């Protein structure tokens, strides 16, 4: 976790990040890819690599709640502190996904056609 005097916000946003990661894995969705979050918010289940309607609805709800939580954090602890906390969480989740094999998918390999 990141060093911050706002430990309750760190724990809250960190828990959201963990759940976003779990749901994105369950739905086979790459949240960091361009346009993916917008497609989820527009109820486009085709963004999922696997059919999981329940997981998709939970992911969609959590994304909406995430925006709300981040906006509240900005209001309460300020944009700079919120940015530090969220960047640290994103970096931790990126490292975790790289270790777990859910990082960027490789493109076609030369000679594989």
PDB file of N, CA and C in Angstrom:
ATOM      1  N   UNK A   1       0.827  -1.183   0.000  1.00  0.00           N
ATOM      2  CA  UNK A   1       0.000   0.000   0.000  1.00  0.00           C
ATOM      3  C   UNK A   1       0.870   1.244   0.000  1.00  0.00           C
ATOM      4  N   UNK A   2       0.309   2.305  -0.473  1.00  0.00           N
ATOM      5  CA  UNK A   2       1.022   3.567  -0.534  1.00  0.00           C
ATOM      6  C   UNK A   2       1.095   4.226   0.840  1.00  0.00           C
ATOM      7  N   UNK A   3       2.128   5.028   1.017  1.00  0.00           N
ATOM      8  CA  UNK A   3       2.263   5.783   2.261  1.00  0.00           C
ATOM      9  C   UNK A   3       1.378   7.016   2.163  1.00  0.00           C
ATOM     10  N   UNK A   4       0.449   7.161   3.088  1.00  0.00           N
ATOM     11  CA  UNK A   4      -0.438   8.309   3.107  1.00  0.00           C
ATOM     12  C   UNK A   4      -0.995   8.458   4.509  1.00  0.00           C
ATOM     13  N   UNK A   5      -1.238   9.694   4.882  1.00  0.00           N
ATOM     14  CA  UNK A   5      -1.859   9.923   6.185  1.00  0.00           C
ATOM     15  C   UNK A   5      -3.357   9.654   6.128  1.00  0.00           C
ATOM     16  N   UNK A   6      -3.865   9.415   4.937  1.00  0.00           N
ATOM     17  CA  UNK A   6      -5.287   9.152   4.729  1.00  0.00           C
ATOM     18  C   UNK A   6      -5.508   7.648   4.556  1.00  0.00           C
ATOM     19  N   UNK A   7      -5.182   6.897   5.595  1.00  0.00           N
ATOM     20  CA  UNK A   7      -5.202   5.428   5.488  1.00  0.00           C
ATOM     21  C   UNK A   7      -6.581   4.870   5.169  1.00  0.00           C
ATOM     22  N   UNK A   8      -7.632   5.508   5.654  1.00  0.00           N
ATOM     23  CA  UNK A   8      -8.960   4.975   5.360  1.00  0.00           C
ATOM     24  C   UNK A   8      -9.270   5.100   3.858  1.00  0.00           C
ATOM     25  N   UNK A   9      -8.830   6.183   3.228  1.00  0.00           N
ATOM     26  CA  UNK A   9      -9.026   6.326   1.786  1.00  0.00           C
ATOM     27  C   UNK A   9      -8.152   5.341   1.021  1.00  0.00           C
ATOM     28  N   UNK A  10      -6.939   5.136   1.492  1.00  0.00           N
ATOM     29  CA  UNK A  10      -6.054   4.165   0.836  1.00  0.00           C
ATOM     30  C   UNK A  10      -6.697   2.784   0.879  1.00  0.00           C
ATOM     31  N   UNK A  11      -7.167   2.360   2.048  1.00  0.00           N
ATOM     32  CA  UNK A  11      -7.794   1.040   2.176  1.00  0.00           C
ATOM     33  C   UNK A  11      -9.037   0.927   1.303  1.00  0.00           C
ATOM     34  N   UNK A  12      -9.860   1.973   1.312  1.00  0.00           N
ATOM     35  CA  UNK A  12     -11.107   1.957   0.540  1.00  0.00           C
ATOM     36  C   UNK A  12     -10.821   1.848  -0.959  1.00  0.00           C
ATOM     37  N   UNK A  13      -9.965   2.709  -1.464  1.00  0.00           N
ATOM     38  CA  UNK A  13      -9.666   2.697  -2.903  1.00  0.00           C
ATOM     39  C   UNK A  13      -8.887   1.450  -3.304  1.00  0.00           C
ATOM     40  N   UNK A  14      -8.047   0.958  -2.417  1.00  0.00           N
ATOM     41  CA  UNK A  14      -7.297  -0.273  -2.685  1.00  0.00           C
ATOM     42  C   UNK A  14      -8.252  -1.467  -2.802  1.00  0.00           C
ATOM     43  N   UNK A  15      -9.242  -1.526  -1.932  1.00  0.00           N
ATOM     44  CA  UNK A  15     -10.224  -2.611  -1.986  1.00  0.00           C
ATOM     45  C   UNK A  15     -11.016  -2.554  -3.293  1.00  0.00           C
ATOM     46  N   UNK A  16     -11.349  -1.351  -3.721  1.00  0.00           N
ATOM     47  CA  UNK A  16     -12.051  -1.198  -5.000  1.00  0.00           C
ATOM     48  C   UNK A  16     -11.167  -1.706  -6.141  1.00  0.00           C
ATOM     49  N   UNK A  17      -9.891  -1.327  -6.121  1.00  0.00           N
ATOM     50  CA  UNK A  17      -8.971  -1.778  -7.155  1.00  0.00           C
ATOM     51  C   UNK A  17      -8.862  -3.291  -7.209  1.00  0.00           C
ATOM     52  N   UNK A  18      -8.778  -3.918  -6.036  1.00  0.00           N
ATOM     53  CA  UNK A  18      -8.709  -5.386  -5.994  1.00  0.00           C
ATOM     54  C   UNK A  18      -9.958  -6.027  -6.599  1.00  0.00           C
ATOM     55  N   UNK A  19     -11.120  -5.488  -6.242  1.00  0.00           N
ATOM     56  CA  UNK A  19     -12.366  -6.062  -6.760  1.00  0.00           C
ATOM     57  C   UNK A  19     -12.515  -5.812  -8.257  1.00  0.00           C
ATOM     58  N   UNK A  20     -12.088  -4.642  -8.730  1.00  0.00           N
ATOM     59  CA  UNK A  20     -12.105  -4.385 -10.176  1.00  0.00           C
ATOM     60  C   UNK A  20     -11.239  -5.410 -10.904  1.00  0.00           C
ATOM     61  N   UNK A  21     -10.091  -5.710 -10.325  1.00  0.00           N
ATOM     62  CA  UNK A  21      -9.205  -6.691 -10.949  1.00  0.00           C
ATOM     63  C   UNK A  21      -9.858  -8.075 -10.977  1.00  0.00           C
ATOM     64  N   UNK A  22     -10.454  -8.491  -9.864  1.00  0.00           N
ATOM     65  CA  UNK A  22     -11.103  -9.806  -9.813  1.00  0.00           C
ATOM     66  C   UNK A  22     -12.230  -9.911 -10.848  1.00  0.00           C
ATOM     67  N   UNK A  23     -13.069  -8.875 -10.906  1.00  0.00           N
ATOM     68  CA  UNK A  23     -14.186  -8.914 -11.845  1.00  0.00           C
ATOM     69  C   UNK A  23     -13.714  -8.834 -13.295  1.00  0.00           C
ATOM     70  N   UNK A  24     -12.667  -8.076 -13.544  1.00  0.00           N
ATOM     71  CA  UNK A  24     -12.162  -8.007 -14.923  1.00  0.00           C
ATOM     72  C   UNK A  24     -11.578  -9.348 -15.351  1.00  0.00           C
ATOM     73  N   UNK A  25     -10.973 -10.061 -14.437  1.00  0.00           N
ATOM     74  CA  UNK A  25     -10.470 -11.406 -14.744  1.00  0.00           C
ATOM     75  C   UNK A  25     -11.635 -12.358 -14.987  1.00  0.00           C
ATOM     76  N   UNK A  26     -12.660 -12.283 -14.126  1.00  0.00           N
ATOM     77  CA  UNK A  26     -13.824 -13.166 -14.268  1.00  0.00           C
ATOM     78  C   UNK A  26     -14.547 -12.945 -15.592  1.00  0.00           C
ATOM     79  N   UNK A  27     -14.530 -11.702 -16.065  1.00  0.00           N
ATOM     80  CA  UNK A  27     -15.216 -11.377 -17.327  1.00  0.00           C
ATOM     81  C   UNK A  27     -14.270 -11.371 -18.524  1.00  0.00           C
ATOM     82  N   UNK A  28     -12.981 -11.577 -18.271  1.00  0.00           N
ATOM     83  CA  UNK A  28     -11.951 -11.502 -19.314  1.00  0.00           C
ATOM     84  C   UNK A  28     -12.027 -10.163 -20.041  1.00  0.00           C
ATOM     85  N   UNK A  29     -11.899  -9.095 -19.248  1.00  0.00           N
ATOM     86  CA  UNK A  29     -11.951  -7.727 -19.756  1.00  0.00           C
ATOM     87  C   UNK A  29     -10.646  -7.036 -19.414  1.00  0.00           C
ATOM     88  N   UNK A  30     -10.123  -6.275 -20.341  1.00  0.00           N
ATOM     89  CA  UNK A  30      -8.891  -5.513 -20.148  1.00  0.00           C
ATOM     90  C   UNK A  30      -9.263  -4.052 -19.909  1.00  0.00           C
ATOM     91  N   UNK A  31      -9.489  -3.710 -18.641  1.00  0.00           N
ATOM     92  CA  UNK A  31      -9.988  -2.386 -18.277  1.00  0.00           C
ATOM     93  C   UNK A  31      -9.092  -1.241 -18.717  1.00  0.00           C
ATOM     94  N   UNK A  32      -7.801  -1.476 -18.820  1.00  0.00           N
ATOM     95  CA  UNK A  32      -6.874  -0.402 -19.173  1.00  0.00           C
ATOM     96  C   UNK A  32      -6.785  -0.156 -20.677  1.00  0.00           C
ATOM     97  N   UNK A  33      -7.409  -1.003 -21.481  1.00  0.00           N
ATOM     98  CA  UNK A  33      -7.401  -0.786 -22.922  1.00  0.00           C
ATOM     99  C   UNK A  33      -8.297   0.397 -23.274  1.00  0.00           C
ATOM    100  N   UNK A  34      -7.930   1.172 -24.282  1.00  0.00           N
ATOM    101  CA  UNK A  34      -8.716   2.353 -24.658  1.00  0.00           C
ATOM    102  C   UNK A  34     -10.176   2.009 -24.982  1.00  0.00           C
ATOM    103  N   UNK A  35     -11.083   2.797 -24.420  1.00  0.00           N
ATOM    104  CA  UNK A  35     -12.507   2.668 -24.717  1.00  0.00           C
ATOM    105  C   UNK A  35     -13.243   1.583 -23.966  1.00  0.00           C
ATOM    106  N   UNK A  36     -12.545   0.728 -23.249  1.00  0.00           N
ATOM    107  CA  UNK A  36     -13.193  -0.412 -22.590  1.00  0.00           C
ATOM    108  C   UNK A  36     -14.158   0.047 -21.498  1.00  0.00           C
ATOM    109  N   UNK A  37     -13.731   0.955 -20.647  1.00  0.00           N
ATOM    110  CA  UNK A  37     -14.599   1.419 -19.560  1.00  0.00           C
ATOM    111  C   UNK A  37     -15.846   2.087 -20.138  1.00  0.00           C
ATOM    112  N   UNK A  38     -15.685   2.893 -21.171  1.00  0.00           N
ATOM    113  CA  UNK A  38     -16.849   3.527 -21.804  1.00  0.00           C
ATOM    114  C   UNK A  38     -17.817   2.479 -22.344  1.00  0.00           C
ATOM    115  N   UNK A  39     -17.295   1.440 -22.958  1.00  0.00           N
ATOM    116  CA  UNK A  39     -18.162   0.378 -23.496  1.00  0.00           C
ATOM    117  C   UNK A  39     -18.900  -0.337 -22.380  1.00  0.00           C
ATOM    118  N   UNK A  40     -18.220  -0.556 -21.261  1.00  0.00           N
ATOM    119  CA  UNK A  40     -18.881  -1.205 -20.121  1.00  0.00           C
ATOM    120  C   UNK A  40     -19.998  -0.309 -19.601  1.00  0.00           C
ATOM    121  N   UNK A  41     -19.706   0.981 -19.450  1.00  0.00           N
ATOM    122  CA  UNK A  41     -20.714   1.915 -18.958  1.00  0.00           C
ATOM    123  C   UNK A  41     -21.904   2.026 -19.907  1.00  0.00           C
ATOM    124  N   UNK A  42     -21.673   1.760 -21.201  1.00  0.00           N
ATOM    125  CA  UNK A  42     -22.754   1.787 -22.202  1.00  0.00           C
ATOM    126  C   UNK A  42     -23.433   0.429 -22.322  1.00  0.00           C
ATOM    127  N   UNK A  43     -23.118  -0.471 -21.386  1.00  0.00           N
ATOM    128  CA  UNK A  43     -23.754  -1.786 -21.304  1.00  0.00           C
ATOM    129  C   UNK A  43     -23.401  -2.703 -22.474  1.00  0.00           C
ATOM    130  N   UNK A  44     -22.187  -2.592 -22.983  1.00  0.00           N
ATOM    131  CA  UNK A  44     -21.730  -3.409 -24.106  1.00  0.00           C
ATOM    132  C   UNK A  44     -20.998  -4.642 -23.574  1.00  0.00           C
ATOM    133  N   UNK A  45     -21.746  -5.720 -23.401  1.00  0.00           N
ATOM    134  CA  UNK A  45     -21.162  -6.957 -22.873  1.00  0.00           C
ATOM    135  C   UNK A  45     -20.200  -7.625 -23.854  1.00  0.00           C
ATOM    136  N   UNK A  46     -20.196  -7.201 -25.109  1.00  0.00           N
ATOM    137  CA  UNK A  46     -19.289  -7.819 -26.076  1.00  0.00           C
ATOM    138  C   UNK A  46     -17.831  -7.473 -25.781  1.00  0.00           C
ATOM    139  N   UNK A  47     -17.593  -6.539 -24.878  1.00  0.00           N
ATOM    140  CA  UNK A  47     -16.225  -6.209 -24.476  1.00  0.00           C
ATOM    141  C   UNK A  47     -15.602  -7.362 -23.682  1.00  0.00           C
ATOM    142  N   UNK A  48     -16.444  -8.243 -23.165  1.00  0.00           N
ATOM    143  CA  UNK A  48     -15.979  -9.383 -22.372  1.00  0.00           C
ATOM    144  C   UNK A  48     -15.455 -10.496 -23.284  1.00  0.00           C
ATOM    145  N   UNK A  49     -14.393 -11.140 -22.831  1.00  0.00           N
ATOM    146  CA  UNK A  49     -13.854 -12.274 -23.560  1.00  0.00           C
ATOM    147  C   UNK A  49     -14.575 -13.564 -23.226  1.00  0.00           C
ATOM    148  N   UNK A  50     -15.401 -13.532 -22.199  1.00  0.00           N
ATOM    149  CA  UNK A  50     -16.168 -14.695 -21.785  1.00  0.00           C
ATOM    150  C   UNK A  50     -17.561 -14.244 -21.375  1.00  0.00           C
ATOM    151  N   UNK A  51     -18.547 -15.096 -21.563  1.00  0.00           N
ATOM    152  CA  UNK A  51     -19.921 -14.738 -21.185  1.00  0.00           C
ATOM    153  C   UNK A  51     -20.070 -14.883 -19.676  1.00  0.00           C
ATOM    154  N   UNK A  52     -20.363 -13.763 -19.040  1.00  0.00           N
ATOM    155  CA  UNK A  52     -20.542 -13.739 -17.593  1.00  0.00           C
ATOM    156  C   UNK A  52     -21.427 -12.542 -17.261  1.00  0.00           C
ATOM    157  N   UNK A  53     -22.723 -12.675 -17.503  1.00  0.00           N
ATOM    158  CA  UNK A  53     -23.654 -11.560 -17.343  1.00  0.00           C
ATOM    159  C   UNK A  53     -23.684 -11.024 -15.917  1.00  0.00           C
ATOM    160  N   UNK A  54     -23.659 -11.901 -14.955  1.00  0.00           N
ATOM    161  CA  UNK A  54     -23.686 -11.462 -13.549  1.00  0.00           C
ATOM    162  C   UNK A  54     -22.401 -10.699 -13.220  1.00  0.00           C
ATOM    163  N   UNK A  55     -21.273 -11.247 -13.616  1.00  0.00           N
ATOM    164  CA  UNK A  55     -19.996 -10.576 -13.381  1.00  0.00           C
ATOM    165  C   UNK A  55     -19.928  -9.233 -14.092  1.00  0.00           C
ATOM    166  N   UNK A  56     -20.463  -9.174 -15.309  1.00  0.00           N
ATOM    167  CA  UNK A  56     -20.460  -7.929 -16.067  1.00  0.00           C
ATOM    168  C   UNK A  56     -21.284  -6.864 -15.351  1.00  0.00           C
ATOM    169  N   UNK A  57     -22.471  -7.231 -14.871  1.00  0.00           N
ATOM    170  CA  UNK A  57     -23.313  -6.259 -14.154  1.00  0.00           C
ATOM    171  C   UNK A  57     -22.614  -5.760 -12.888  1.00  0.00           C
ATOM    172  N   UNK A  58     -21.951  -6.675 -12.180  1.00  0.00           N
ATOM    173  CA  UNK A  58     -21.213  -6.265 -10.984  1.00  0.00           C
ATOM    174  C   UNK A  58     -20.058  -5.335 -11.354  1.00  0.00           C
ATOM    175  N   UNK A  59     -19.362  -5.656 -12.431  1.00  0.00           N
ATOM    176  CA  UNK A  59     -18.248  -4.823 -12.888  1.00  0.00           C
ATOM    177  C   UNK A  59     -18.750  -3.438 -13.278  1.00  0.00           C
ATOM    178  N   UNK A  60     -19.835  -3.385 -14.001  1.00  0.00           N
ATOM    179  CA  UNK A  60     -20.409  -2.118 -14.419  1.00  0.00           C
ATOM    180  C   UNK A  60     -20.803  -1.272 -13.199  1.00  0.00           C
ATOM    181  N   UNK A  61     -21.446  -1.877 -12.240  1.00  0.00           N
ATOM    182  CA  UNK A  61     -21.839  -1.155 -11.014  1.00  0.00           C
ATOM    183  C   UNK A  61     -20.621  -0.670 -10.251  1.00  0.00           C
ATOM    184  N   UNK A  62     -19.601  -1.500 -10.179  1.00  0.00           N
ATOM    185  CA  UNK A  62     -18.402  -1.122  -9.434  1.00  0.00           C
ATOM    186  C   UNK A  62     -17.654   0.015 -10.134  1.00  0.00           C
ATOM    187  N   UNK A  63     -17.642   0.016 -11.447  1.00  0.00           N
ATOM    188  CA  UNK A  63     -16.994   1.126 -12.169  1.00  0.00           C
ATOM    189  C   UNK A  63     -17.711   2.432 -11.849  1.00  0.00           C
ATOM    190  N   UNK A  64     -19.036   2.407 -11.851  1.00  0.00           N
ATOM    191  CA  UNK A  64     -19.803   3.609 -11.498  1.00  0.00           C
ATOM    192  C   UNK A  64     -19.485   4.038 -10.063  1.00  0.00           C
ATOM    193  N   UNK A  65     -19.436   3.093  -9.158  1.00  0.00           N
ATOM    194  CA  UNK A  65     -19.129   3.401  -7.760  1.00  0.00           C
ATOM    195  C   UNK A  65     -17.702   3.918  -7.610  1.00  0.00           C
ATOM    196  N   UNK A  66     -16.804   3.421  -8.446  1.00  0.00           N
ATOM    197  CA  UNK A  66     -15.411   3.866  -8.398  1.00  0.00           C
ATOM    198  C   UNK A  66     -15.316   5.350  -8.720  1.00  0.00           C
ATOM    199  N   UNK A  67     -16.003   5.773  -9.770  1.00  0.00           N
ATOM    200  CA  UNK A  67     -16.005   7.203 -10.116  1.00  0.00           C
ATOM    201  C   UNK A  67     -16.522   8.030  -8.947  1.00  0.00           C
ATOM    202  N   UNK A  68     -17.580   7.562  -8.332  1.00  0.00           N
ATOM    203  CA  UNK A  68     -18.153   8.275  -7.194  1.00  0.00           C
ATOM    204  C   UNK A  68     -17.160   8.355  -6.029  1.00  0.00           C
ATOM    205  N   UNK A  69     -16.506   7.248  -5.720  1.00  0.00           N
ATOM    206  CA  UNK A  69     -15.539   7.212  -4.616  1.00  0.00           C
ATOM    207  C   UNK A  69     -14.336   8.108  -4.886  1.00  0.00           C
ATOM    208  N   UNK A  70     -13.835   8.069  -6.107  1.00  0.00           N
ATOM    209  CA  UNK A  70     -12.677   8.910  -6.436  1.00  0.00           C
ATOM    210  C   UNK A  70     -13.067  10.389  -6.351  1.00  0.00           C
ATOM    211  N   UNK A  71     -14.251  10.731  -6.839  1.00  0.00           N
ATOM    212  CA  UNK A  71     -14.702  12.121  -6.743  1.00  0.00           C
ATOM    213  C   UNK A  71     -14.852  12.566  -5.287  1.00  0.00           C
ATOM    214  N   UNK A  72     -15.359  11.684  -4.435  1.00  0.00           N
ATOM    215  CA  UNK A  72     -15.468  12.016  -3.012  1.00  0.00           C
ATOM    216  C   UNK A  72     -14.087  12.193  -2.392  1.00  0.00           C
ATOM    217  N   UNK A  73     -13.149  11.338  -2.780  1.00  0.00           N
ATOM    218  CA  UNK A  73     -11.784  11.460  -2.261  1.00  0.00           C
ATOM    219  C   UNK A  73     -11.181  12.800  -2.672  1.00  0.00           C
ATOM    220  N   UNK A  74     -11.383  13.195  -3.909  1.00  0.00           N
ATOM    221  CA  UNK A  74     -10.874  14.486  -4.387  1.00  0.00           C
ATOM    222  C   UNK A  74     -11.463  15.613  -3.541  1.00  0.00           C
ATOM    223  N   UNK A  75     -12.760  15.549  -3.273  1.00  0.00           N
ATOM    224  CA  UNK A  75     -13.410  16.583  -2.468  1.00  0.00           C
ATOM    225  C   UNK A  75     -12.881  16.619  -1.036  1.00  0.00           C
ATOM    226  N   UNK A  76     -12.591  15.451  -0.478  1.00  0.00           N
ATOM    227  CA  UNK A  76     -12.241  15.384   0.947  1.00  0.00           C
ATOM    228  C   UNK A  76     -10.747  15.508   1.229  1.00  0.00           C
ATOM    229  N   UNK A  77      -9.918  14.910   0.383  1.00  0.00           N
ATOM    230  CA  UNK A  77      -8.468  14.943   0.671  1.00  0.00           C
ATOM    231  C   UNK A  77      -7.669  15.689  -0.388  1.00  0.00           C
ATOM    232  N   UNK A  78      -8.347  16.102  -1.454  1.00  0.00           N
ATOM    233  CA  UNK A  78      -7.692  16.891  -2.487  1.00  0.00           C
ATOM    234  C   UNK A  78      -7.250  16.071  -3.679  1.00  0.00           C
ATOM    235  N   UNK A  79      -7.127  16.739  -4.814  1.00  0.00           N
ATOM    236  CA  UNK A  79      -6.770  16.025  -6.042  1.00  0.00           C
ATOM    237  C   UNK A  79      -5.353  15.461  -6.032  1.00  0.00           C
ATOM    238  N   UNK A  80      -4.407  16.183  -5.442  1.00  0.00           N
ATOM    239  CA  UNK A  80      -3.012  15.707  -5.456  1.00  0.00           C
ATOM    240  C   UNK A  80      -2.870  14.416  -4.643  1.00  0.00           C
ATOM    241  N   UNK A  81      -3.439  14.403  -3.447  1.00  0.00           N
ATOM    242  CA  UNK A  81      -3.345  13.201  -2.594  1.00  0.00           C
ATOM    243  C   UNK A  81      -4.104  12.035  -3.223  1.00  0.00           C
ATOM    244  N   UNK A  82      -5.262  12.309  -3.793  1.00  0.00           N
ATOM    245  CA  UNK A  82      -6.038  11.248  -4.450  1.00  0.00           C
ATOM    246  C   UNK A  82      -5.255  10.668  -5.618  1.00  0.00           C
ATOM    247  N   UNK A  83      -4.609  11.529  -6.375  1.00  0.00           N
ATOM    248  CA  UNK A  83      -3.808  11.060  -7.518  1.00  0.00           C
ATOM    249  C   UNK A  83      -2.657  10.180  -7.056  1.00  0.00           C
ATOM    250  N   UNK A  84      -1.967  10.578  -5.987  1.00  0.00           N
ATOM    251  CA  UNK A  84      -0.871   9.753  -5.460  1.00  0.00           C
ATOM    252  C   UNK A  84      -1.365   8.377  -5.042  1.00  0.00           C
ATOM    253  N   UNK A  85      -2.490   8.358  -4.350  1.00  0.00           N
ATOM    254  CA  UNK A  85      -3.048   7.088  -3.874  1.00  0.00           C
ATOM    255  C   UNK A  85      -3.460   6.208  -5.057  1.00  0.00           C
ATOM    256  N   UNK A  86      -4.201   6.786  -6.011  1.00  0.00           N
ATOM    257  CA  UNK A  86      -4.682   5.970  -7.133  1.00  0.00           C
ATOM    258  C   UNK A  86      -3.537   5.498  -8.025  1.00  0.00           C
ATOM    259  N   UNK A  87      -2.518   6.335  -8.213  1.00  0.00           N
ATOM    260  CA  UNK A  87      -1.367   5.903  -9.026  1.00  0.00           C
ATOM    261  C   UNK A  87      -0.647   4.731  -8.364  1.00  0.00           C
ATOM    262  N   UNK A  88      -0.478   4.786  -7.052  1.00  0.00           N
ATOM    263  CA  UNK A  88       0.183   3.689  -6.342  1.00  0.00           C
ATOM    264  C   UNK A  88      -0.626   2.397  -6.459  1.00  0.00           C
ATOM    265  N   UNK A  89      -1.940   2.515  -6.376  1.00  0.00           N
ATOM    266  CA  UNK A  89      -2.803   1.336  -6.498  1.00  0.00           C
ATOM    267  C   UNK A  89      -2.706   0.766  -7.917  1.00  0.00           C
ATOM    268  N   UNK A  90      -2.752   1.620  -8.915  1.00  0.00           N
ATOM    269  CA  UNK A  90      -2.648   1.162 -10.306  1.00  0.00           C
ATOM    270  C   UNK A  90      -1.315   0.463 -10.543  1.00  0.00           C
ATOM    271  N   UNK A  91      -0.232   1.029 -10.031  1.00  0.00           N
ATOM    272  CA  UNK A  91       1.087   0.404 -10.187  1.00  0.00           C
ATOM    273  C   UNK A  91       1.126  -0.966  -9.516  1.00  0.00           C
ATOM    274  N   UNK A  92       0.543  -1.070  -8.319  1.00  0.00           N
ATOM    275  CA  UNK A  92       0.516  -2.359  -7.610  1.00  0.00           C
ATOM    276  C   UNK A  92      -0.300  -3.380  -8.400  1.00  0.00           C
ATOM    277  N   UNK A  93      -1.448  -2.971  -8.906  1.00  0.00           N
ATOM    278  CA  UNK A  93      -2.288  -3.895  -9.671  1.00  0.00           C
ATOM    279  C   UNK A  93      -1.640  -4.290 -10.986  1.00  0.00           C
ATOM    280  N   UNK A  94      -0.932  -3.350 -11.627  1.00  0.00           N
ATOM    281  CA  UNK A  94      -0.205  -3.690 -12.853  1.00  0.00           C
ATOM    282  C   UNK A  94       0.870  -4.736 -12.575  1.00  0.00           C
ATOM    283  N   UNK A  95       1.606  -4.567 -11.479  1.00  0.00           N
ATOM    284  CA  UNK A  95       2.631  -5.569 -11.118  1.00  0.00           C
ATOM    285  C   UNK A  95       1.975  -6.917 -10.833  1.00  0.00           C
ATOM    286  N   UNK A  96       0.876  -6.881 -10.122  1.00  0.00           N
ATOM    287  CA  UNK A  96       0.171  -8.118  -9.768  1.00  0.00           C
ATOM    288  C   UNK A  96      -0.354  -8.821 -11.018  1.00  0.00           C
ATOM    289  N   UNK A  97      -0.898  -8.065 -11.969  1.00  0.00           N
ATOM    290  CA  UNK A  97      -1.423  -8.697 -13.177  1.00  0.00           C
ATOM    291  C   UNK A  97      -0.296  -9.246 -14.043  1.00  0.00           C
ATOM    292  N   UNK A  98       0.854  -8.581 -14.044  1.00  0.00           N
ATOM    293  CA  UNK A  98       1.999  -9.084 -14.805  1.00  0.00           C
ATOM    294  C   UNK A  98       2.491 -10.404 -14.217  1.00  0.00           C
ATOM    295  N   UNK A  99       2.516 -10.491 -12.904  1.00  0.00           N
ATOM    296  CA  UNK A  99       2.952 -11.724 -12.232  1.00  0.00           C
ATOM    297  C   UNK A  99       1.940 -12.840 -12.458  1.00  0.00           C
ATOM    298  N   UNK A 100       0.639 -12.487 -12.423  1.00  0.00           N
ATOM    299  CA  UNK A 100      -0.412 -13.486 -12.559  1.00  0.00           C
ATOM    300  C   UNK A 100      -0.738 -13.862 -13.982  1.00  0.00           C
ATOM    301  N   UNK A 101      -0.073 -13.245 -14.931  1.00  0.00           N
ATOM    302  CA  UNK A 101      -0.313 -13.603 -16.323  1.00  0.00           C
ATOM    303  C   UNK A 101      -1.517 -12.930 -16.935  1.00  0.00           C
ATOM    304  N   UNK A 102      -2.045 -11.881 -16.296  1.00  0.00           N
ATOM    305  CA  UNK A 102      -3.187 -11.179 -16.866  1.00  0.00           C
ATOM    306  C   UNK A 102      -2.758  -9.846 -17.454  1.00  0.00           C
ATOM    307  N   UNK A 103      -1.460  -9.709 -17.699  1.00  0.00           N
ATOM    308  CA  UNK A 103      -0.923  -8.486 -18.292  1.00  0.00           C
ATOM    309  C   UNK A 103      -1.262  -8.411 -19.766  1.00  0.00           C
ATOM    310  N   UNK A 104      -0.602  -7.519 -20.484  1.00  0.00           N
ATOM    311  CA  UNK A 104      -0.909  -7.346 -21.909  1.00  0.00           C
ATOM    312  C   UNK A 104      -0.783  -8.646 -22.682  1.00  0.00           C
ATOM    313  N   UNK A 105      -1.748  -8.884 -23.542  1.00  0.00           N
ATOM    314  CA  UNK A 105      -1.702 -10.088 -24.373  1.00  0.00           C
ATOM    315  C   UNK A 105      -0.791  -9.841 -25.555  1.00  0.00           C
ATOM    316  N   UNK A 106       0.061 -10.794 -25.843  1.00  0.00           N
ATOM    317  CA  UNK A 106       0.947 -10.623 -26.998  1.00  0.00           C
ATOM    318  C   UNK A 106       0.165 -10.714 -28.292  1.00  0.00           C
ATOM    319  N   UNK A 107       0.637  -9.986 -29.286  1.00  0.00           N
ATOM    320  CA  UNK A 107       0.026 -10.055 -30.613  1.00  0.00           C
ATOM    321  C   UNK A 107       0.458 -11.323 -31.319  1.00  0.00           C
ATOM    322  N   UNK A 108       0.063 -11.494 -32.576  1.00  0.00           N
ATOM    323  CA  UNK A 108       0.463 -12.681 -33.346  1.00  0.00           C
ATOM    324  C   UNK A 108       1.988 -12.759 -33.436  1.00  0.00           C
ATOM    325  N   UNK A 109       2.476 -13.944 -33.309  1.00  0.00           N
ATOM    326  CA  UNK A 109       3.915 -14.176 -33.387  1.00  0.00           C
ATOM    327  C   UNK A 109       4.340 -14.339 -34.835  1.00  0.00           C
ATOM    328  N   UNK A 110       5.523 -13.839 -35.187  1.00  0.00           N
ATOM    329  CA  UNK A 110       5.994 -14.010 -36.573  1.00  0.00           C
ATOM    330  C   UNK A 110       6.027 -15.485 -36.952  1.00  0.00           C
ATOM    331  N   UNK A 111       5.525 -15.766 -38.138  1.00  0.00           N
ATOM    332  CA  UNK A 111       5.545 -17.143 -38.627  1.00  0.00           C
ATOM    333  C   UNK A 111       4.445 -18.009 -38.079  1.00  0.00           C
ATOM    334  N   UNK A 112       3.463 -17.413 -37.369  1.00  0.00           N
ATOM    335  CA  UNK A 112       2.402 -18.236 -36.774  1.00  0.00           C
ATOM    336  C   UNK A 112       1.166 -18.323 -37.661  1.00  0.00           C
ATOM    337  N   UNK A 113       1.237 -17.781 -38.914  1.00  0.00           N
ATOM    338  CA  UNK A 113       0.043 -17.845 -39.763  1.00  0.00           C
ATOM    339  C   UNK A 113      -0.024 -19.079 -40.537  1.00  0.00           C
TER     340      UNK A 113
END
